[in-house]
């Protein structure tokens, strides 16, 4: 007992120090994460601000697009001239796939790439270009997606920038028409966001109306005017805007596809359609018309504005003289010649100084009438240069067919031609040798004679070879028409020469 009592105080002292050390270690362990532990100090752990992505559809030959993000469908059936709502995404890199609406997940996308989003950032992504050009990897107008930050404008009461997304137009100058044509932007290039400009008045007060001139870089006249009303400007309350110029200047394009502009509010992401008015005081547009329908017969063309007859008694395989026309929109009717029977209606929208060939194609009769007007850009003759192209106007051909034309020696006369379209012009002297015509997916072929008189007439001029008629109607067989476009003047019809076309025996 004596020895035990003598040892007890030391044992007790050791136990006391062990408890103190353990308590200190416990307190140190609990204290280290206190700044991030909501159970101790009531503070929430720091959160990452999501990024926001808005997507605009500016591809006119795609009825609707789906956008997949990181392998998941996030934006569905987005129509042209429309914007998605903001899509919240975590900061970092995200893979985007753009597909035609309702395409299968294992189908190859029309476009794929990545977008990098920073924390809290808002980004505008825009699909532009053409689906039809996507097979041409080097084409600057193939379908593409570009992206840019939103709300990054410099100080100013009314900031605006422009995205040029109209593939058929050259680089554009933007002028302030309300102030006598003061330049705002120069040489705005296709598929590029411009810098910001401040549209506020000299005193810094917001504008109550807006009229911007769009002019091809280097030209002396405006093509059209981008117009925003006082109501549109008041609704954005000075927030930065992106004006997207989109669509095609083809005069017979649909309302959805024709050249236009939209305004994107960079803060809210709201999209508004803006007015685009042709410059009616600019140089006149010109066009000739060709009746390439195998069964429509002679036709008249009337303006529905004032009832004026633009074209009278245009028979099959005939062309008109050049029609100089004031740049504006013309609602028109194609009627049976000298009769009130309306065969079709269309809107003809013309910009200044543009030159077109318009043909009446398709069939009026049969189980599925397909009569239509097609507009093709027309080249001007150049001294000492011969230009030629081909036009696929076969009335009953498949819409996905392509027409090929080669010489008897083998070289291609033109590039393969899609249905209801023209090949690009080629330059070079023609030769009086037959051409061989074939259609993709078909076994038939035809020989088209190219007589010397046509070769001589086309020298240093412009020739379009229209292939018309039908594949399945013996009374309207396939036919080729050589149209000397450069022979057309305001007082003289374009020369049309029917070329002998022979169905070749199967190989």
Protein backbone atom coordinates (compact mmCIF):
# COMPACT_ATOMS: atom_id res chain seq x y z
CA UNK A 1 0.00 0.00 0.00
CA UNK A 2 2.78 2.37 0.78
CA UNK A 3 4.47 1.79 -2.57
CA UNK A 4 1.16 2.09 -4.38
CA UNK A 5 0.24 5.36 -2.68
CA UNK A 6 3.64 6.73 -3.48
CA UNK A 7 3.23 6.00 -7.21
CA UNK A 8 -0.32 7.28 -7.58
CA UNK A 9 0.40 11.01 -7.82
CA UNK A 10 2.82 10.46 -10.72
CA UNK A 11 0.32 8.27 -12.53
CA UNK A 12 -2.36 10.86 -12.01
CA UNK A 13 -0.13 13.61 -13.31
CA UNK A 14 0.60 11.58 -16.47
CA UNK A 15 -3.08 10.97 -17.06
CA UNK A 16 -3.81 14.68 -16.63
CA UNK A 17 -1.23 15.66 -19.30
CA UNK A 18 -2.52 13.00 -21.66
CA UNK A 19 -6.05 14.44 -21.40
CA UNK A 20 -4.80 17.96 -21.97
CA UNK A 21 -2.83 16.89 -25.06
CA UNK A 22 -5.76 14.92 -26.48
CA UNK A 23 -8.13 17.84 -25.91
CA UNK A 24 -5.70 20.20 -27.70
CA UNK A 25 -5.37 17.84 -30.65
CA UNK A 26 -9.15 17.51 -30.85
CA UNK A 27 -9.55 21.28 -30.82
CA UNK A 28 -6.90 21.71 -33.52
CA UNK A 29 -8.57 19.07 -35.69
CA UNK A 30 -11.95 20.71 -35.35
CA UNK A 31 -10.63 24.18 -35.90
CA UNK A 32 -8.87 23.69 -39.28
CA UNK A 33 -11.97 23.42 -41.56
CA UNK A 34 -14.13 25.86 -39.62
CA UNK A 35 -14.12 28.49 -42.40
CA UNK A 36 -15.93 26.15 -44.80
CA UNK A 37 -18.07 24.14 -42.45
CA UNK A 38 -21.62 25.51 -42.41
CA UNK A 39 -22.40 23.49 -39.28
CA UNK A 40 -19.96 25.59 -37.23
CA UNK A 41 -20.23 29.17 -38.55
CA UNK A 42 -23.42 29.23 -40.68
CA UNK A 43 -21.56 30.04 -43.91
CA UNK A 44 -22.34 28.14 -47.13
CA UNK A 45 -19.45 26.70 -49.13
CA UNK A 46 -18.52 28.93 -52.12
CA UNK A 47 -20.57 28.11 -55.25
CA UNK A 48 -19.55 28.36 -58.91
CA UNK A 49 -21.61 30.81 -61.02
CA UNK A 50 -23.06 29.02 -64.05
CA UNK A 51 -22.33 30.25 -67.56
CA UNK A 52 -25.18 31.04 -69.99
CA UNK A 53 -25.35 30.18 -73.72
CA UNK A 54 -27.94 31.51 -76.19
CA UNK A 55 -28.05 30.01 -79.70
CA UNK A 56 -29.26 31.81 -82.87
CA UNK A 57 -30.24 29.93 -86.06
CA UNK A 58 -29.15 31.80 -89.23
CA UNK A 59 -28.95 28.84 -91.67
CA UNK A 60 -31.63 29.48 -94.27
CA UNK A 61 -31.57 26.08 -96.01
CA UNK A 62 -32.10 24.15 -92.76
CA UNK A 63 -35.81 24.01 -91.76
CA UNK A 64 -34.79 23.40 -88.14
CA UNK A 65 -31.67 22.49 -86.18
CA UNK A 66 -31.01 20.53 -83.00
CA UNK A 67 -28.07 21.46 -80.78
CA UNK A 68 -26.51 18.78 -78.60
CA UNK A 69 -24.26 19.75 -75.69
CA UNK A 70 -21.82 17.16 -74.37
CA UNK A 71 -23.78 14.38 -76.04
CA UNK A 72 -27.18 15.48 -74.74
CA UNK A 73 -29.96 17.23 -76.73
CA UNK A 74 -30.38 20.70 -75.22
CA UNK A 75 -31.92 22.88 -77.97
CA UNK A 76 -34.47 21.24 -80.24
CA UNK A 77 -36.04 22.17 -83.61
CA UNK A 78 -34.69 25.73 -83.70
CA UNK A 79 -36.09 27.41 -86.84
CA UNK A 80 -34.24 30.03 -88.93
CA UNK A 81 -34.32 33.59 -87.54
CA UNK A 82 -35.01 32.27 -84.04
CA UNK A 83 -33.01 32.19 -80.81
CA UNK A 84 -33.06 29.71 -77.97
CA UNK A 85 -33.53 30.73 -74.38
CA UNK A 86 -30.38 30.88 -72.25
CA UNK A 87 -28.96 27.44 -71.49
CA UNK A 88 -27.15 27.21 -68.13
CA UNK A 89 -23.82 25.34 -68.33
CA UNK A 90 -20.97 24.79 -65.92
CA UNK A 91 -17.83 26.81 -66.63
CA UNK A 92 -15.32 25.05 -68.85
CA UNK A 93 -15.19 23.47 -72.28
CA UNK A 94 -18.34 21.96 -73.81
CA UNK A 95 -18.71 19.91 -76.97
CA UNK A 96 -21.42 21.14 -79.39
CA UNK A 97 -23.03 19.06 -82.15
CA UNK A 98 -25.42 20.69 -84.65
CA UNK A 99 -27.82 18.34 -86.43
CA UNK A 100 -30.87 18.62 -88.62
CA UNK A 101 -33.97 18.42 -86.45
CA UNK A 102 -35.01 14.86 -85.56
CA UNK A 103 -31.71 13.38 -86.80
CA UNK A 104 -30.61 10.28 -84.94
CA UNK A 105 -27.96 10.54 -82.25
CA UNK A 106 -25.61 8.27 -84.21
CA UNK A 107 -25.94 10.34 -87.41
CA UNK A 108 -22.93 12.44 -88.25
CA UNK A 109 -23.58 16.05 -87.17
CA UNK A 110 -23.62 18.88 -89.70
CA UNK A 111 -21.08 20.65 -87.50
CA UNK A 112 -19.25 19.85 -84.31
CA UNK A 113 -16.80 21.77 -82.16
CA UNK A 114 -16.25 23.12 -78.68
CA UNK A 115 -17.05 26.30 -76.82
CA UNK A 116 -15.24 27.43 -73.68
CA UNK A 117 -17.34 29.26 -71.09
CA UNK A 118 -16.00 31.20 -68.13
CA UNK A 119 -17.69 31.47 -64.77
CA UNK A 120 -20.77 33.72 -64.93
CA UNK A 121 -20.22 34.47 -68.61
CA UNK A 122 -23.01 34.94 -71.18
CA UNK A 123 -22.17 33.83 -74.75
CA UNK A 124 -24.00 34.14 -78.08
CA UNK A 125 -23.45 31.25 -80.50
CA UNK A 126 -24.74 31.61 -84.07
CA UNK A 127 -25.09 28.90 -86.73
CA UNK A 128 -24.58 30.46 -90.17
CA UNK A 129 -23.74 29.47 -93.74
CA UNK A 130 -25.47 26.85 -95.86
CA UNK A 131 -26.06 23.13 -95.37
CA UNK A 132 -25.69 22.72 -99.16
CA UNK A 133 -22.10 24.00 -98.96
CA UNK A 134 -21.07 21.76 -96.06
CA UNK A 135 -19.63 19.08 -98.35
CA UNK A 136 -17.08 21.63 -99.60
CA UNK A 137 -14.53 21.75 -96.79
CA UNK A 138 -12.81 24.80 -98.29
CA UNK A 139 -16.04 26.76 -98.84
CA UNK A 140 -16.25 29.91 -96.68
CA UNK A 141 -20.04 29.59 -96.73
CA UNK A 142 -20.28 26.03 -95.38
CA UNK A 143 -22.33 25.61 -92.22
CA UNK A 144 -20.36 26.93 -89.28
CA UNK A 145 -20.87 28.09 -85.69
CA UNK A 146 -19.19 31.16 -84.23
CA UNK A 147 -19.46 32.46 -80.68
CA UNK A 148 -18.80 35.73 -78.85
CA UNK A 149 -19.27 37.12 -75.34
CA UNK A 150 -22.39 39.15 -74.59
CA UNK A 151 -22.71 42.36 -72.61
CA UNK A 152 -19.06 43.30 -73.18
CA UNK A 153 -19.81 46.69 -74.77
CA UNK A 154 -17.70 49.72 -73.95
CA UNK A 155 -19.39 52.62 -72.20
CA UNK A 156 -22.12 54.34 -74.19
CA UNK A 157 -25.86 54.93 -73.87
CA UNK A 158 -26.79 52.92 -77.00
CA UNK A 159 -24.13 50.34 -78.00
CA UNK A 160 -24.64 48.15 -81.07
CA UNK A 161 -22.50 45.74 -83.07
CA UNK A 162 -23.16 43.82 -86.29
CA UNK A 163 -22.76 40.16 -87.18
CA UNK A 164 -22.68 39.69 -90.97
CA UNK A 165 -24.31 36.26 -91.50
CA UNK A 166 -25.62 36.64 -95.09
CA UNK A 167 -23.38 34.32 -97.16
CA UNK A 168 -24.20 35.78 -100.59
CA UNK A 169 -23.23 39.36 -99.71
CA UNK A 170 -19.70 40.82 -99.76
CA UNK A 171 -18.18 42.75 -96.86
CA UNK A 172 -20.39 45.67 -95.92
CA UNK A 173 -20.02 49.25 -94.79
CA UNK A 174 -22.59 50.44 -92.24
CA UNK A 175 -23.61 54.11 -92.38
CA UNK A 176 -25.83 56.29 -90.22
CA UNK A 177 -28.44 57.38 -92.77
CA UNK A 178 -30.17 59.68 -90.28
CA UNK A 179 -26.98 61.75 -90.11
CA UNK A 180 -26.23 62.08 -93.78
CA UNK A 181 -24.46 58.75 -94.23
CA UNK A 182 -21.80 59.10 -91.53
CA UNK A 183 -19.70 55.87 -91.59
CA UNK A 184 -20.14 53.70 -88.50
CA UNK A 185 -18.43 50.47 -89.56
CA UNK A 186 -16.25 49.71 -92.56
CA UNK A 187 -15.80 46.40 -94.37
CA UNK A 188 -17.81 44.28 -91.92
CA UNK A 189 -16.77 40.81 -93.05
CA UNK A 190 -18.94 37.72 -93.35
CA UNK A 191 -18.99 35.48 -90.26
CA UNK A 192 -17.38 38.12 -88.04
CA UNK A 193 -18.68 40.20 -85.13
CA UNK A 194 -17.91 43.88 -85.60
CA UNK A 195 -16.74 46.21 -82.88
CA UNK A 196 -19.36 48.19 -80.95
CA UNK A 197 -20.57 51.62 -82.06
CA UNK A 198 -22.56 54.06 -79.94
CA UNK A 199 -25.79 55.08 -81.65
CA UNK A 200 -26.74 57.79 -79.17
CA UNK A 201 -27.27 61.32 -80.43
CA UNK A 202 -24.63 64.07 -80.17
CA UNK A 203 -25.90 65.07 -76.73
CA UNK A 204 -25.75 61.47 -75.53
CA UNK A 205 -29.52 61.10 -75.60
CA UNK A 206 -30.87 57.74 -76.87
CA UNK A 207 -32.16 57.68 -80.44
CA UNK A 208 -35.90 57.62 -81.02
CA UNK A 209 -35.48 55.99 -84.45
CA UNK A 210 -32.76 54.23 -86.36
CA UNK A 211 -31.96 53.92 -90.07
CA UNK A 212 -28.63 52.31 -90.98
CA UNK A 213 -27.44 52.09 -94.57
CA UNK A 214 -25.85 48.79 -95.71
CA UNK A 215 -23.42 49.27 -98.57
CA UNK A 216 -21.13 46.82 -100.34
CA UNK A 217 -17.60 47.86 -99.46
CA UNK A 218 -16.28 50.21 -102.12
CA UNK A 219 -19.66 50.98 -103.71
CA UNK A 220 -21.23 54.44 -103.93
CA UNK A 221 -24.84 53.43 -103.16
CA UNK A 222 -26.69 51.66 -100.36
CA UNK A 223 -28.15 48.21 -100.93
CA UNK A 224 -30.74 48.46 -98.18
CA UNK A 225 -31.59 50.10 -94.87
CA UNK A 226 -31.78 48.46 -91.47
CA UNK A 227 -34.67 50.21 -89.70
CA UNK A 228 -35.59 50.06 -86.02
CA UNK A 229 -38.71 51.82 -84.78
CA UNK A 230 -38.95 54.06 -81.75
CA UNK A 231 -40.92 51.33 -79.97
CA UNK A 232 -38.16 48.79 -80.59
CA UNK A 233 -35.47 51.16 -79.35
CA UNK A 234 -37.48 52.16 -76.29
CA UNK A 235 -38.01 48.51 -75.36
CA UNK A 236 -34.26 47.82 -75.09
CA UNK A 237 -33.67 50.82 -72.77
CA UNK A 238 -30.10 51.39 -73.98
CA UNK A 239 -28.96 47.82 -73.41
CA UNK A 240 -26.24 46.59 -75.83
CA UNK A 241 -27.61 44.97 -78.99
CA UNK A 242 -26.21 42.65 -81.67
CA UNK A 243 -27.75 43.14 -85.12
CA UNK A 244 -27.47 39.94 -87.18
CA UNK A 245 -27.80 40.34 -90.95
CA UNK A 246 -29.00 37.01 -92.36
CA UNK A 247 -30.83 35.37 -95.25
CA UNK A 248 -30.39 35.26 -99.01
CA UNK A 249 -30.84 38.13 -101.50
CA UNK A 250 -32.42 35.78 -104.04
CA UNK A 251 -35.49 37.75 -105.23
CA UNK A 252 -37.77 34.69 -105.08
CA UNK A 253 -36.68 33.44 -101.67
CA UNK A 254 -39.43 32.70 -99.16
CA UNK A 255 -40.34 35.12 -96.40
CA UNK A 256 -38.30 33.01 -93.97
CA UNK A 257 -35.24 32.79 -96.22
CA UNK A 258 -35.07 36.27 -97.74
CA UNK A 259 -32.49 38.82 -96.63
CA UNK A 260 -33.32 40.40 -93.29
CA UNK A 261 -32.01 41.32 -89.86
CA UNK A 262 -32.69 40.49 -86.22
CA UNK A 263 -31.70 42.32 -83.05
CA UNK A 264 -30.45 40.30 -80.08
CA UNK A 265 -30.64 41.96 -76.65
CA UNK A 266 -27.32 41.09 -75.04
CA UNK A 267 -28.66 41.24 -71.50
CA UNK A 268 -31.98 39.40 -71.81
CA UNK A 269 -31.24 37.30 -74.92
CA UNK A 270 -34.52 38.42 -76.50
CA UNK A 271 -34.60 38.44 -80.30
CA UNK A 272 -36.59 40.95 -82.37
CA UNK A 273 -37.09 41.07 -86.13
CA UNK A 274 -35.90 44.35 -87.65
CA UNK A 275 -37.05 45.84 -90.96
CA UNK A 276 -34.76 45.73 -94.01
CA UNK A 277 -35.83 48.05 -96.82
CA UNK A 278 -34.30 47.98 -100.33
CA UNK A 279 -32.84 51.27 -101.50
CA UNK A 280 -35.47 52.24 -104.08
CA UNK A 281 -33.29 55.16 -105.25
CA UNK A 282 -30.34 52.94 -106.09
CA UNK A 283 -29.41 51.65 -109.57
CA UNK A 284 -32.12 49.53 -111.16
CA UNK A 285 -32.04 45.75 -111.03
CA UNK A 286 -32.30 43.78 -114.30
CA UNK A 287 -33.66 40.37 -115.20
CA UNK A 288 -34.77 38.30 -118.16
CA UNK A 289 -37.38 35.55 -117.99
CA UNK A 290 -37.39 32.18 -119.76
CA UNK A 291 -40.39 29.88 -120.13
CA UNK A 292 -38.84 26.44 -119.48
CA UNK A 293 -42.03 24.60 -118.51
CA UNK A 294 -42.86 21.74 -120.87
CA UNK A 295 -46.65 22.15 -120.58
CA UNK A 296 -47.59 25.59 -119.21
CA UNK A 297 -48.00 27.16 -122.65
CA UNK A 298 -47.71 30.90 -123.21
CA UNK A 299 -47.90 33.00 -120.03
CA UNK A 300 -48.32 36.61 -118.91
CA UNK A 301 -46.75 38.04 -115.75
CA UNK A 302 -48.59 40.82 -113.87
CA UNK A 303 -47.70 43.03 -110.94
CA UNK A 304 -50.34 42.85 -108.24
CA UNK A 305 -49.49 46.35 -107.02
CA UNK A 306 -50.95 48.26 -109.94
CA UNK A 307 -52.07 45.51 -112.34
CA UNK A 308 -49.29 46.35 -114.83
CA UNK A 309 -48.31 43.55 -117.21
CA UNK A 310 -44.57 42.93 -116.87
CA UNK A 311 -44.32 40.11 -119.43
CA UNK A 312 -46.78 39.32 -122.21
CA UNK A 313 -47.40 36.08 -124.10
CA UNK A 314 -44.09 34.41 -123.21
CA UNK A 315 -44.25 31.07 -125.03
CA UNK A 316 -42.45 27.86 -124.15
CA UNK A 317 -38.69 27.97 -124.91
CA UNK A 318 -38.78 31.73 -125.34
CA UNK A 319 -37.01 34.43 -123.32
CA UNK A 320 -37.77 38.10 -122.74
CA UNK A 321 -35.66 41.18 -123.21
CA UNK A 322 -33.93 42.63 -120.13
CA UNK A 323 -36.39 44.16 -117.70
CA UNK A 324 -34.92 47.13 -115.78
CA UNK A 325 -36.82 47.36 -112.48
CA UNK A 326 -36.84 49.74 -109.53
CA UNK A 327 -35.43 47.99 -106.43
CA UNK A 328 -38.43 47.06 -104.33
CA UNK A 329 -40.84 44.19 -103.64
CA UNK A 330 -43.24 43.13 -106.40
CA UNK A 331 -46.09 40.70 -105.64
CA UNK A 332 -46.61 39.03 -109.03
CA UNK A 333 -48.99 36.62 -110.76
CA UNK A 334 -48.21 34.24 -113.61
CA UNK A 335 -51.34 33.81 -115.73
CA UNK A 336 -52.31 31.86 -118.81
CA UNK A 337 -51.67 34.23 -121.70
CA UNK A 338 -54.67 36.51 -122.42
CA UNK A 339 -56.72 34.71 -119.74
CA UNK A 340 -57.50 35.53 -116.10
CA UNK A 341 -56.40 32.01 -115.01
CA UNK A 342 -53.69 32.39 -112.33
CA UNK A 343 -51.05 29.66 -112.52
CA UNK A 344 -48.99 30.81 -109.54
CA UNK A 345 -48.25 33.77 -107.28
CA UNK A 346 -44.90 34.87 -105.94
CA UNK A 347 -43.07 37.81 -104.36
CA UNK A 348 -40.20 39.29 -106.37
CA UNK A 349 -37.87 41.30 -104.09
CA UNK A 350 -35.11 43.24 -105.83
CA UNK A 351 -32.02 45.00 -104.49
CA UNK A 352 -30.17 47.72 -106.44
CA UNK A 353 -27.80 46.87 -109.29
CA UNK A 354 -28.40 43.12 -109.15
CA UNK A 355 -28.81 40.99 -112.28
CA UNK A 356 -30.96 37.87 -112.46
CA UNK A 357 -32.22 35.18 -114.79
CA UNK A 358 -35.72 33.99 -113.86
CA UNK A 359 -37.19 30.86 -115.42
CA UNK A 360 -40.62 29.23 -115.22
CA UNK A 361 -40.06 25.55 -114.55
CA UNK A 362 -41.98 22.48 -113.48
CA UNK A 363 -45.28 21.20 -114.81
CA UNK A 364 -48.73 22.73 -114.82
CA UNK A 365 -50.58 19.48 -115.48
CA UNK A 366 -50.37 15.94 -114.16
CA UNK A 367 -51.13 14.36 -110.80
CA UNK A 368 -48.71 16.63 -108.94
CA UNK A 369 -48.42 20.07 -110.57
CA UNK A 370 -45.02 21.60 -109.79
CA UNK A 371 -45.00 24.91 -111.63
CA UNK A 372 -42.54 27.36 -110.05
CA UNK A 373 -40.35 30.38 -110.68
CA UNK A 374 -36.61 30.06 -110.06
CA UNK A 375 -34.17 32.99 -109.90
CA UNK A 376 -30.47 32.58 -110.72
CA UNK A 377 -27.75 35.24 -110.42
CA UNK A 378 -26.58 36.37 -113.85
CA UNK A 379 -23.02 37.32 -114.77
CA UNK A 380 -22.14 40.35 -116.87
CA UNK A 381 -20.15 39.93 -120.09
CA UNK A 382 -16.46 40.77 -119.83
CA UNK A 383 -14.46 41.87 -122.85
CA UNK A 384 -12.47 39.01 -124.36
CA UNK A 385 -13.88 36.38 -121.97
CA UNK A 386 -16.40 33.61 -122.69
CA UNK A 387 -18.49 32.37 -119.78
CA UNK A 388 -20.78 29.33 -119.71
CA UNK A 389 -22.85 27.41 -117.18
CA UNK A 390 -25.65 24.81 -117.10
CA UNK A 391 -29.10 24.91 -115.45
CA UNK A 392 -30.90 21.76 -114.22
CA UNK A 393 -34.55 22.52 -115.09
CA UNK A 394 -35.83 18.99 -115.85
CA UNK A 395 -39.45 19.17 -114.69
CA UNK A 396 -39.91 15.69 -113.20
CA UNK A 397 -36.37 14.98 -111.98
CA UNK A 398 -35.84 14.01 -108.36
CA UNK A 399 -35.20 16.97 -106.07
CA UNK A 400 -31.94 15.38 -104.90
CA UNK A 401 -30.68 14.55 -108.39
CA UNK A 402 -27.53 16.05 -109.89
CA UNK A 403 -26.93 16.60 -113.57
CA UNK A 404 -23.51 16.01 -115.13
CA UNK A 405 -22.30 17.27 -118.50
CA UNK A 406 -19.03 16.11 -120.04
CA UNK A 407 -17.51 16.55 -123.47
CA UNK A 408 -16.94 13.64 -125.81
CA UNK A 409 -13.24 13.88 -124.97
CA UNK A 410 -14.06 13.36 -121.30
CA UNK A 411 -13.48 16.71 -119.51
CA UNK A 412 -16.36 18.08 -117.48
CA UNK A 413 -18.25 20.88 -119.23
CA UNK A 414 -19.46 22.22 -115.87
CA UNK A 415 -19.55 21.06 -112.27
CA UNK A 416 -22.42 18.72 -111.27
CA UNK A 417 -25.65 20.74 -111.12
CA UNK A 418 -28.31 20.29 -108.38
CA UNK A 419 -32.00 20.27 -109.28
CA UNK A 420 -33.54 23.72 -109.94
CA UNK A 421 -30.13 25.35 -109.74
CA UNK A 422 -27.25 26.48 -111.93
CA UNK A 423 -23.61 25.51 -111.95
CA UNK A 424 -21.01 28.23 -111.34
CA UNK A 425 -19.91 30.00 -114.51
CA UNK A 426 -16.77 28.68 -116.17
CA UNK A 427 -14.54 30.74 -118.40
CA UNK A 428 -12.84 29.50 -121.55
CA UNK A 429 -13.49 29.06 -125.23
CA UNK A 430 -16.17 26.57 -126.29
CA UNK A 431 -15.72 23.91 -128.93
CA UNK A 432 -18.20 22.38 -131.35
CA UNK A 433 -18.21 18.91 -129.85
CA UNK A 434 -21.17 17.00 -128.44
CA UNK A 435 -21.88 16.86 -124.73
CA UNK A 436 -22.97 13.80 -122.80
CA UNK A 437 -25.62 14.33 -120.12
CA UNK A 438 -26.45 12.00 -117.23
CA UNK A 439 -28.34 12.16 -113.94
CA UNK A 440 -27.14 10.81 -110.62
CA UNK A 441 -28.74 7.49 -109.77
CA UNK A 442 -29.98 6.93 -113.33
CA UNK A 443 -28.84 4.62 -116.10
CA UNK A 444 -29.90 6.78 -119.03
CA UNK A 445 -27.67 9.25 -120.84
CA UNK A 446 -28.20 11.76 -123.62
CA UNK A 447 -26.08 13.44 -126.25
CA UNK A 448 -26.43 17.19 -126.79
CA UNK A 449 -25.03 18.59 -130.01
CA UNK A 450 -23.13 21.87 -129.76
CA UNK A 451 -23.15 23.38 -133.27
CA UNK A 452 -20.53 25.81 -134.46
CA UNK A 453 -23.07 28.63 -134.78
CA UNK A 454 -23.70 28.48 -131.02
CA UNK A 455 -19.97 28.41 -130.28
CA UNK A 456 -19.43 31.47 -132.50
CA UNK A 457 -22.42 33.34 -131.03
CA UNK A 458 -21.22 32.72 -127.47
CA UNK A 459 -17.63 33.88 -128.12
CA UNK A 460 -16.71 36.65 -125.65
CA UNK A 461 -20.24 36.43 -124.27
CA UNK A 462 -22.28 34.59 -121.63
CA UNK A 463 -24.05 31.29 -122.38
CA UNK A 464 -26.46 29.37 -120.14
CA UNK A 465 -27.37 25.83 -121.18
CA UNK A 466 -30.84 25.02 -119.78
CA UNK A 467 -31.83 21.34 -119.70
CA UNK A 468 -35.64 21.14 -119.65
CA UNK A 469 -38.45 18.76 -120.56
CA UNK A 470 -39.29 15.56 -118.72
CA UNK A 471 -37.86 12.11 -118.12
CA UNK A 472 -41.14 10.20 -118.25
CA UNK A 473 -43.47 12.02 -120.63
CA UNK A 474 -42.95 11.08 -124.31
CA UNK A 475 -44.81 14.21 -125.48
CA UNK A 476 -42.33 16.41 -123.58
CA UNK A 477 -38.93 14.73 -123.91
CA UNK A 478 -35.76 16.06 -122.40
CA UNK A 479 -34.44 19.09 -124.31
CA UNK A 480 -31.48 21.48 -124.12
CA UNK A 481 -31.75 25.22 -124.74
CA UNK A 482 -28.72 27.44 -125.35
CA UNK A 483 -29.59 30.89 -123.99
CA UNK A 484 -27.18 33.65 -125.00
CA UNK A 485 -27.62 35.80 -121.90
CA UNK A 486 -25.27 38.52 -123.11
CA UNK A 487 -27.49 39.10 -126.17
CA UNK A 488 -30.37 40.39 -124.05
CA UNK A 489 -30.88 44.16 -123.91
CA UNK A 490 -33.82 46.31 -122.81
CA UNK A 491 -34.99 46.32 -126.44
CA UNK A 492 -33.94 42.82 -127.55
CA UNK A 493 -34.91 39.41 -126.21
CA UNK A 494 -32.21 36.94 -125.20
CA UNK A 495 -31.41 34.57 -128.07
CA UNK A 496 -32.62 30.99 -127.42
CA UNK A 497 -31.40 28.10 -129.59
CA UNK A 498 -32.85 24.61 -129.16
CA UNK A 499 -30.06 22.02 -129.35
CA UNK A 500 -30.59 18.55 -130.74
CA UNK A 501 -30.79 16.17 -127.81
CA UNK A 502 -30.68 12.38 -128.36
CA UNK A 503 -31.32 9.56 -125.88
CA UNK A 504 -28.34 7.19 -126.07
CA UNK A 505 -28.76 3.40 -126.03
CA UNK A 506 -27.89 1.75 -122.73
CA UNK A 507 -24.24 0.70 -122.43
